[in-house]
Amino acid sequence: MDIRLLNRNEQPPINLLLLADPSQTIVEDYLDRGTCYIAECNTEVVGVYVLLPTRPETIELVNIAVEEEHQGRGIGKRLVTDAVHRAKRNGYTTIEVGTGNSSIGQLALYQKCGFRMTGIDRGYFIRHYEEAIFENGIQCRDRVRLSQDL
């Protein structure tokens, strides 16, 4: 598997990005402001992530997704690790990520990759998404913030 920068003449894998964030408006907004990377296996796009500078020396991993049929194979961990390494190489001192309170697998993954919880934005998904989101039988209401010093 190779992870590379999405070329300017390529369309971002919107359907894949929408697996991680159901709001096309929000996805398009951070695609315009961030940098998109894709993971390929034999020219097939199997994963994606987007990095977005947010403050001086701080960058946020705003979207990370793996095609459903390729999940459970360590691709997500490789994407997170790649994002951390790219952020560090580009001079950032902090990388942040936010995920839903119901995203149990993602919360575990980020912590396994060295992220620590820094806060909870209560009601974030209620305020910013028109339709209710459910994962693992839990309503996604709050955004859990995590960060890692680089």
N, C-alpha and C. Protein backbone atom coordinates (compact mmCIF):
# COMPACT_ATOMS: atom_id res chain seq x y z
N MET A 1 0.85 -1.19 0.00
CA MET A 1 0.00 0.00 0.00
C MET A 1 0.88 1.24 0.00
N ASP A 2 0.53 2.19 -0.83
CA ASP A 2 1.23 3.47 -0.91
C ASP A 2 0.29 4.58 -0.45
N ILE A 3 0.83 5.56 0.26
CA ILE A 3 0.07 6.74 0.68
C ILE A 3 0.70 7.93 0.00
N ARG A 4 -0.12 8.71 -0.71
CA ARG A 4 0.42 9.84 -1.46
C ARG A 4 -0.53 11.02 -1.43
N LEU A 5 0.04 12.17 -1.76
CA LEU A 5 -0.72 13.40 -1.90
C LEU A 5 -1.68 13.28 -3.08
N LEU A 6 -2.90 13.71 -2.89
CA LEU A 6 -3.86 13.75 -3.99
C LEU A 6 -3.39 14.80 -4.99
N ASN A 7 -3.27 14.43 -6.25
CA ASN A 7 -2.81 15.37 -7.27
C ASN A 7 -3.89 16.42 -7.56
N ARG A 8 -3.44 17.58 -7.99
CA ARG A 8 -4.37 18.69 -8.26
C ARG A 8 -5.42 18.34 -9.33
N ASN A 9 -5.06 17.50 -10.28
CA ASN A 9 -6.00 17.15 -11.37
C ASN A 9 -6.91 15.98 -11.00
N GLU A 10 -6.77 15.43 -9.80
CA GLU A 10 -7.60 14.31 -9.35
C GLU A 10 -8.77 14.81 -8.51
N GLN A 11 -9.87 14.12 -8.62
CA GLN A 11 -11.02 14.41 -7.77
C GLN A 11 -10.83 13.70 -6.43
N PRO A 12 -11.11 14.36 -5.32
CA PRO A 12 -11.00 13.67 -4.03
C PRO A 12 -12.07 12.57 -3.94
N PRO A 13 -11.79 11.51 -3.21
CA PRO A 13 -12.76 10.41 -3.07
C PRO A 13 -13.88 10.79 -2.10
N ILE A 14 -14.83 11.57 -2.60
CA ILE A 14 -15.90 12.12 -1.75
C ILE A 14 -16.68 11.02 -1.03
N ASN A 15 -17.05 9.95 -1.74
CA ASN A 15 -17.84 8.90 -1.08
C ASN A 15 -17.09 8.29 0.09
N LEU A 16 -15.79 8.17 -0.04
CA LEU A 16 -14.97 7.64 1.05
C LEU A 16 -14.90 8.65 2.20
N LEU A 17 -14.69 9.92 1.88
CA LEU A 17 -14.65 10.96 2.91
C LEU A 17 -15.98 11.04 3.66
N LEU A 18 -17.09 10.79 2.96
CA LEU A 18 -18.41 10.85 3.59
C LEU A 18 -18.65 9.68 4.55
N LEU A 19 -17.84 8.63 4.47
CA LEU A 19 -17.94 7.55 5.46
C LEU A 19 -17.56 8.07 6.84
N ALA A 20 -16.59 8.99 6.88
CA ALA A 20 -16.11 9.52 8.16
C ALA A 20 -16.85 10.78 8.59
N ASP A 21 -17.43 11.48 7.65
CA ASP A 21 -18.14 12.74 7.95
C ASP A 21 -19.32 12.84 7.01
N PRO A 22 -20.56 12.68 7.51
CA PRO A 22 -21.72 12.64 6.64
C PRO A 22 -22.16 13.97 6.03
N SER A 23 -21.49 15.07 6.34
CA SER A 23 -21.87 16.37 5.80
C SER A 23 -20.99 16.73 4.60
N GLN A 24 -21.58 16.67 3.41
CA GLN A 24 -20.81 17.01 2.21
C GLN A 24 -20.35 18.47 2.26
N THR A 25 -21.16 19.36 2.80
CA THR A 25 -20.79 20.77 2.90
C THR A 25 -19.53 20.94 3.77
N ILE A 26 -19.50 20.27 4.91
CA ILE A 26 -18.34 20.37 5.81
C ILE A 26 -17.11 19.74 5.16
N VAL A 27 -17.29 18.57 4.52
CA VAL A 27 -16.17 17.90 3.84
C VAL A 27 -15.59 18.80 2.75
N GLU A 28 -16.44 19.39 1.93
CA GLU A 28 -15.95 20.26 0.84
C GLU A 28 -15.23 21.48 1.40
N ASP A 29 -15.70 22.00 2.53
CA ASP A 29 -15.05 23.16 3.15
C ASP A 29 -13.62 22.83 3.58
N TYR A 30 -13.42 21.73 4.30
CA TYR A 30 -12.05 21.45 4.73
C TYR A 30 -11.18 20.89 3.62
N LEU A 31 -11.78 20.34 2.56
CA LEU A 31 -10.97 19.95 1.39
C LEU A 31 -10.39 21.19 0.72
N ASP A 32 -11.17 22.27 0.68
CA ASP A 32 -10.70 23.53 0.08
C ASP A 32 -9.55 24.13 0.87
N ARG A 33 -9.54 23.93 2.18
CA ARG A 33 -8.54 24.57 3.04
C ARG A 33 -7.40 23.64 3.45
N GLY A 34 -7.59 22.33 3.28
CA GLY A 34 -6.60 21.37 3.76
C GLY A 34 -5.88 20.65 2.64
N THR A 35 -5.15 19.61 3.01
CA THR A 35 -4.38 18.79 2.08
C THR A 35 -4.85 17.36 2.21
N CYS A 36 -5.18 16.74 1.06
CA CYS A 36 -5.75 15.41 1.03
C CYS A 36 -4.70 14.39 0.60
N TYR A 37 -4.65 13.28 1.32
CA TYR A 37 -3.75 12.17 1.03
C TYR A 37 -4.57 10.92 0.82
N ILE A 38 -4.15 10.08 -0.14
CA ILE A 38 -4.89 8.85 -0.40
C ILE A 38 -3.97 7.64 -0.26
N ALA A 39 -4.58 6.54 0.16
CA ALA A 39 -3.88 5.26 0.25
C ALA A 39 -4.38 4.39 -0.90
N GLU A 40 -3.43 3.80 -1.62
CA GLU A 40 -3.78 2.96 -2.77
C GLU A 40 -3.18 1.57 -2.63
N CYS A 41 -3.96 0.59 -3.04
CA CYS A 41 -3.48 -0.78 -3.20
C CYS A 41 -3.73 -1.13 -4.66
N ASN A 42 -2.64 -1.33 -5.39
CA ASN A 42 -2.77 -1.66 -6.83
C ASN A 42 -3.65 -0.67 -7.57
N THR A 43 -3.42 0.60 -7.41
CA THR A 43 -4.13 1.74 -8.02
C THR A 43 -5.57 1.91 -7.53
N GLU A 44 -6.04 1.07 -6.62
CA GLU A 44 -7.38 1.24 -6.05
C GLU A 44 -7.26 2.08 -4.78
N VAL A 45 -8.06 3.14 -4.68
CA VAL A 45 -8.07 3.98 -3.48
C VAL A 45 -8.79 3.21 -2.37
N VAL A 46 -8.06 2.96 -1.27
CA VAL A 46 -8.63 2.20 -0.16
C VAL A 46 -8.74 3.03 1.12
N GLY A 47 -8.08 4.19 1.14
CA GLY A 47 -8.13 5.04 2.32
C GLY A 47 -7.82 6.48 1.99
N VAL A 48 -8.15 7.36 2.92
CA VAL A 48 -7.96 8.79 2.70
C VAL A 48 -7.83 9.49 4.05
N TYR A 49 -7.08 10.59 4.06
CA TYR A 49 -7.11 11.49 5.21
C TYR A 49 -6.85 12.90 4.73
N VAL A 50 -7.28 13.87 5.56
CA VAL A 50 -7.11 15.29 5.25
C VAL A 50 -6.46 15.97 6.45
N LEU A 51 -5.40 16.73 6.17
CA LEU A 51 -4.74 17.54 7.21
C LEU A 51 -5.08 19.00 6.97
N LEU A 52 -5.39 19.70 8.05
CA LEU A 52 -5.80 21.10 7.97
C LEU A 52 -5.05 21.92 9.01
N PRO A 53 -4.19 22.87 8.58
CA PRO A 53 -3.55 23.76 9.55
C PRO A 53 -4.61 24.58 10.27
N THR A 54 -4.52 24.65 11.60
CA THR A 54 -5.54 25.37 12.37
C THR A 54 -4.99 26.56 13.13
N ARG A 55 -3.78 26.45 13.65
CA ARG A 55 -3.12 27.53 14.39
C ARG A 55 -1.64 27.43 14.09
N PRO A 56 -0.87 28.46 14.44
CA PRO A 56 0.58 28.34 14.23
C PRO A 56 1.11 27.07 14.91
N GLU A 57 1.84 26.29 14.18
CA GLU A 57 2.49 25.06 14.65
C GLU A 57 1.51 23.94 14.99
N THR A 58 0.22 24.10 14.66
CA THR A 58 -0.78 23.07 14.95
C THR A 58 -1.52 22.69 13.67
N ILE A 59 -1.70 21.40 13.48
CA ILE A 59 -2.43 20.88 12.33
C ILE A 59 -3.46 19.88 12.85
N GLU A 60 -4.58 19.76 12.15
CA GLU A 60 -5.62 18.84 12.58
C GLU A 60 -5.87 17.78 11.51
N LEU A 61 -6.01 16.55 11.96
CA LEU A 61 -6.44 15.45 11.11
C LEU A 61 -7.96 15.51 11.12
N VAL A 62 -8.54 16.08 10.04
CA VAL A 62 -9.98 16.36 10.05
C VAL A 62 -10.84 15.26 9.46
N ASN A 63 -10.23 14.34 8.73
CA ASN A 63 -11.00 13.23 8.17
C ASN A 63 -10.04 12.09 7.92
N ILE A 64 -10.45 10.90 8.27
CA ILE A 64 -9.70 9.69 7.95
C ILE A 64 -10.72 8.60 7.72
N ALA A 65 -10.59 7.90 6.59
CA ALA A 65 -11.56 6.85 6.26
C ALA A 65 -10.87 5.74 5.48
N VAL A 66 -11.38 4.53 5.69
CA VAL A 66 -10.91 3.35 4.98
C VAL A 66 -12.13 2.68 4.38
N GLU A 67 -12.01 2.26 3.11
CA GLU A 67 -13.11 1.55 2.45
C GLU A 67 -13.56 0.40 3.35
N GLU A 68 -14.87 0.21 3.45
CA GLU A 68 -15.42 -0.76 4.39
C GLU A 68 -14.85 -2.17 4.18
N GLU A 69 -14.67 -2.59 2.94
CA GLU A 69 -14.17 -3.95 2.69
C GLU A 69 -12.68 -4.11 3.02
N HIS A 70 -12.00 -3.00 3.28
CA HIS A 70 -10.57 -3.05 3.64
C HIS A 70 -10.33 -2.73 5.12
N GLN A 71 -11.40 -2.51 5.87
CA GLN A 71 -11.24 -2.20 7.30
C GLN A 71 -10.80 -3.43 8.07
N GLY A 72 -10.12 -3.21 9.19
CA GLY A 72 -9.65 -4.31 10.02
C GLY A 72 -8.33 -4.90 9.57
N ARG A 73 -7.64 -4.21 8.66
CA ARG A 73 -6.37 -4.72 8.13
C ARG A 73 -5.18 -3.82 8.49
N GLY A 74 -5.40 -2.88 9.40
CA GLY A 74 -4.31 -2.00 9.82
C GLY A 74 -4.10 -0.77 8.95
N ILE A 75 -4.97 -0.56 7.96
CA ILE A 75 -4.83 0.59 7.06
C ILE A 75 -5.07 1.90 7.82
N GLY A 76 -6.08 1.92 8.68
CA GLY A 76 -6.36 3.13 9.47
C GLY A 76 -5.17 3.53 10.31
N LYS A 77 -4.54 2.57 10.96
CA LYS A 77 -3.37 2.87 11.78
C LYS A 77 -2.23 3.40 10.93
N ARG A 78 -2.04 2.84 9.74
CA ARG A 78 -1.00 3.33 8.84
C ARG A 78 -1.29 4.75 8.38
N LEU A 79 -2.56 5.06 8.14
CA LEU A 79 -2.93 6.42 7.74
C LEU A 79 -2.66 7.42 8.87
N VAL A 80 -3.05 7.07 10.09
CA VAL A 80 -2.81 7.97 11.23
C VAL A 80 -1.31 8.17 11.43
N THR A 81 -0.56 7.09 11.37
CA THR A 81 0.90 7.18 11.54
C THR A 81 1.53 8.04 10.45
N ASP A 82 1.06 7.88 9.22
CA ASP A 82 1.56 8.70 8.12
C ASP A 82 1.25 10.18 8.35
N ALA A 83 0.04 10.47 8.80
CA ALA A 83 -0.36 11.86 9.07
C ALA A 83 0.53 12.48 10.15
N VAL A 84 0.80 11.72 11.20
CA VAL A 84 1.66 12.21 12.28
C VAL A 84 3.06 12.50 11.76
N HIS A 85 3.61 11.58 10.97
CA HIS A 85 4.96 11.78 10.43
C HIS A 85 5.03 12.97 9.47
N ARG A 86 4.03 13.13 8.62
CA ARG A 86 4.01 14.27 7.69
C ARG A 86 3.92 15.59 8.45
N ALA A 87 3.08 15.62 9.47
CA ALA A 87 2.93 16.84 10.27
C ALA A 87 4.27 17.21 10.92
N LYS A 88 4.94 16.22 11.48
CA LYS A 88 6.23 16.47 12.12
C LYS A 88 7.27 16.94 11.11
N ARG A 89 7.34 16.27 9.96
CA ARG A 89 8.30 16.66 8.91
C ARG A 89 8.05 18.07 8.41
N ASN A 90 6.80 18.51 8.46
CA ASN A 90 6.45 19.85 7.97
C ASN A 90 6.56 20.91 9.06
N GLY A 91 7.14 20.57 10.20
CA GLY A 91 7.44 21.56 11.22
C GLY A 91 6.35 21.83 12.24
N TYR A 92 5.28 21.08 12.22
CA TYR A 92 4.22 21.28 13.22
C TYR A 92 4.68 20.68 14.55
N THR A 93 4.23 21.26 15.65
CA THR A 93 4.59 20.74 16.97
C THR A 93 3.43 20.01 17.64
N THR A 94 2.23 20.19 17.10
CA THR A 94 1.04 19.53 17.65
C THR A 94 0.14 19.06 16.52
N ILE A 95 -0.40 17.85 16.67
CA ILE A 95 -1.43 17.37 15.75
C ILE A 95 -2.65 17.06 16.60
N GLU A 96 -3.81 17.47 16.10
CA GLU A 96 -5.07 17.28 16.82
C GLU A 96 -6.02 16.45 15.97
N VAL A 97 -7.00 15.87 16.63
CA VAL A 97 -8.06 15.15 15.94
C VAL A 97 -9.31 15.23 16.80
N GLY A 98 -10.46 15.24 16.16
CA GLY A 98 -11.73 15.21 16.87
C GLY A 98 -12.56 14.07 16.34
N THR A 99 -13.28 13.40 17.22
CA THR A 99 -14.15 12.30 16.79
C THR A 99 -15.37 12.26 17.68
N GLY A 100 -16.34 11.50 17.27
CA GLY A 100 -17.58 11.42 18.02
C GLY A 100 -17.49 10.55 19.26
N ASN A 101 -18.30 10.88 20.24
CA ASN A 101 -18.35 10.08 21.47
C ASN A 101 -18.74 8.63 21.19
N SER A 102 -19.43 8.39 20.09
CA SER A 102 -19.88 7.05 19.73
C SER A 102 -18.88 6.29 18.86
N SER A 103 -17.79 6.94 18.49
CA SER A 103 -16.78 6.34 17.60
C SER A 103 -15.77 5.55 18.43
N ILE A 104 -16.21 4.45 18.98
CA ILE A 104 -15.41 3.68 19.93
C ILE A 104 -14.12 3.17 19.29
N GLY A 105 -14.21 2.62 18.08
CA GLY A 105 -13.01 2.11 17.41
C GLY A 105 -12.02 3.21 17.10
N GLN A 106 -12.50 4.37 16.68
CA GLN A 106 -11.63 5.49 16.36
C GLN A 106 -10.94 6.03 17.63
N LEU A 107 -11.69 6.12 18.72
CA LEU A 107 -11.09 6.58 19.98
C LEU A 107 -9.96 5.64 20.41
N ALA A 108 -10.16 4.35 20.26
CA ALA A 108 -9.11 3.38 20.59
C ALA A 108 -7.92 3.54 19.66
N LEU A 109 -8.18 3.67 18.36
CA LEU A 109 -7.10 3.80 17.37
C LEU A 109 -6.24 5.03 17.67
N TYR A 110 -6.85 6.18 17.88
CA TYR A 110 -6.08 7.39 18.12
C TYR A 110 -5.21 7.26 19.37
N GLN A 111 -5.75 6.66 20.42
CA GLN A 111 -4.97 6.49 21.64
C GLN A 111 -3.82 5.50 21.43
N LYS A 112 -4.04 4.44 20.66
CA LYS A 112 -2.97 3.49 20.33
C LYS A 112 -1.86 4.17 19.54
N CYS A 113 -2.23 5.22 18.78
CA CYS A 113 -1.26 5.95 17.96
C CYS A 113 -0.62 7.12 18.71
N GLY A 114 -0.86 7.23 20.02
CA GLY A 114 -0.17 8.24 20.83
C GLY A 114 -0.95 9.50 21.13
N PHE A 115 -2.21 9.59 20.72
CA PHE A 115 -3.02 10.76 21.02
C PHE A 115 -3.56 10.67 22.44
N ARG A 116 -3.74 11.84 23.06
CA ARG A 116 -4.31 11.93 24.40
C ARG A 116 -5.56 12.81 24.34
N MET A 117 -6.56 12.47 25.12
CA MET A 117 -7.79 13.27 25.17
C MET A 117 -7.50 14.62 25.80
N THR A 118 -8.04 15.67 25.16
CA THR A 118 -7.81 17.03 25.67
C THR A 118 -9.11 17.75 26.01
N GLY A 119 -10.24 17.25 25.54
CA GLY A 119 -11.49 17.93 25.86
C GLY A 119 -12.68 17.34 25.16
N ILE A 120 -13.84 17.81 25.55
CA ILE A 120 -15.10 17.37 24.95
C ILE A 120 -15.90 18.61 24.58
N ASP A 121 -16.34 18.67 23.33
CA ASP A 121 -17.21 19.74 22.86
C ASP A 121 -18.63 19.19 22.92
N ARG A 122 -19.29 19.45 24.04
CA ARG A 122 -20.62 18.88 24.27
C ARG A 122 -21.63 19.42 23.26
N GLY A 123 -22.39 18.51 22.65
CA GLY A 123 -23.44 18.88 21.72
C GLY A 123 -22.98 19.26 20.33
N TYR A 124 -21.69 19.07 20.03
CA TYR A 124 -21.14 19.49 18.73
C TYR A 124 -21.92 18.89 17.56
N PHE A 125 -22.18 17.59 17.58
CA PHE A 125 -22.84 16.94 16.45
C PHE A 125 -24.33 17.26 16.40
N ILE A 126 -24.90 17.68 17.49
CA ILE A 126 -26.30 18.12 17.51
C ILE A 126 -26.38 19.51 16.85
N ARG A 127 -25.42 20.37 17.15
CA ARG A 127 -25.41 21.74 16.61
C ARG A 127 -25.04 21.80 15.13
N HIS A 128 -24.13 20.94 14.68
CA HIS A 128 -23.55 21.09 13.34
C HIS A 128 -24.08 20.12 12.28
N TYR A 129 -24.88 19.14 12.66
CA TYR A 129 -25.40 18.16 11.71
C TYR A 129 -26.91 18.10 11.82
N GLU A 130 -27.57 18.19 10.65
CA GLU A 130 -29.03 18.23 10.64
C GLU A 130 -29.65 16.91 11.07
N GLU A 131 -29.06 15.79 10.63
CA GLU A 131 -29.61 14.49 10.96
C GLU A 131 -28.82 13.84 12.09
N ALA A 132 -29.53 13.10 12.93
CA ALA A 132 -28.88 12.40 14.03
C ALA A 132 -27.95 11.32 13.48
N ILE A 133 -26.80 11.16 14.12
CA ILE A 133 -25.81 10.16 13.74
C ILE A 133 -25.77 9.11 14.84
N PHE A 134 -25.82 7.83 14.44
CA PHE A 134 -25.72 6.74 15.39
C PHE A 134 -24.59 5.81 14.98
N GLU A 135 -23.77 5.42 15.95
CA GLU A 135 -22.70 4.44 15.75
C GLU A 135 -22.69 3.52 16.96
N ASN A 136 -22.49 2.25 16.71
CA ASN A 136 -22.39 1.29 17.81
C ASN A 136 -23.60 1.37 18.75
N GLY A 137 -24.77 1.72 18.21
CA GLY A 137 -25.98 1.82 19.02
C GLY A 137 -26.02 3.03 19.94
N ILE A 138 -25.10 3.98 19.71
CA ILE A 138 -25.00 5.18 20.55
C ILE A 138 -25.20 6.42 19.68
N GLN A 139 -26.01 7.38 20.15
CA GLN A 139 -26.14 8.62 19.39
C GLN A 139 -24.86 9.44 19.54
N CYS A 140 -24.37 9.89 18.40
CA CYS A 140 -23.19 10.75 18.37
C CYS A 140 -23.64 12.18 18.69
N ARG A 141 -23.28 12.66 19.86
CA ARG A 141 -23.68 13.99 20.31
C ARG A 141 -22.47 14.91 20.51
N ASP A 142 -21.43 14.37 21.14
CA ASP A 142 -20.29 15.19 21.58
C ASP A 142 -19.05 14.87 20.76
N ARG A 143 -18.23 15.91 20.51
CA ARG A 143 -16.95 15.70 19.83
C ARG A 143 -15.87 15.59 20.90
N VAL A 144 -15.14 14.48 20.84
CA VAL A 144 -14.01 14.26 21.74
C VAL A 144 -12.76 14.76 21.03
N ARG A 145 -12.04 15.64 21.69
CA ARG A 145 -10.81 16.22 21.11
C ARG A 145 -9.60 15.48 21.67
N LEU A 146 -8.65 15.14 20.78
CA LEU A 146 -7.41 14.49 21.18
C LEU A 146 -6.26 15.22 20.51
N SER A 147 -5.07 15.14 21.11
CA SER A 147 -3.90 15.76 20.48
C SER A 147 -2.66 14.96 20.82
N GLN A 148 -1.61 15.26 20.06
CA GLN A 148 -0.32 14.63 20.28
C GLN A 148 0.77 15.68 20.04
N ASP A 149 1.72 15.75 20.96
CA ASP A 149 2.87 16.62 20.76
C ASP A 149 3.83 15.90 19.83
N LEU A 150 4.37 16.67 18.87
CA LEU A 150 5.27 16.05 17.87
C LEU A 150 6.73 16.34 18.20
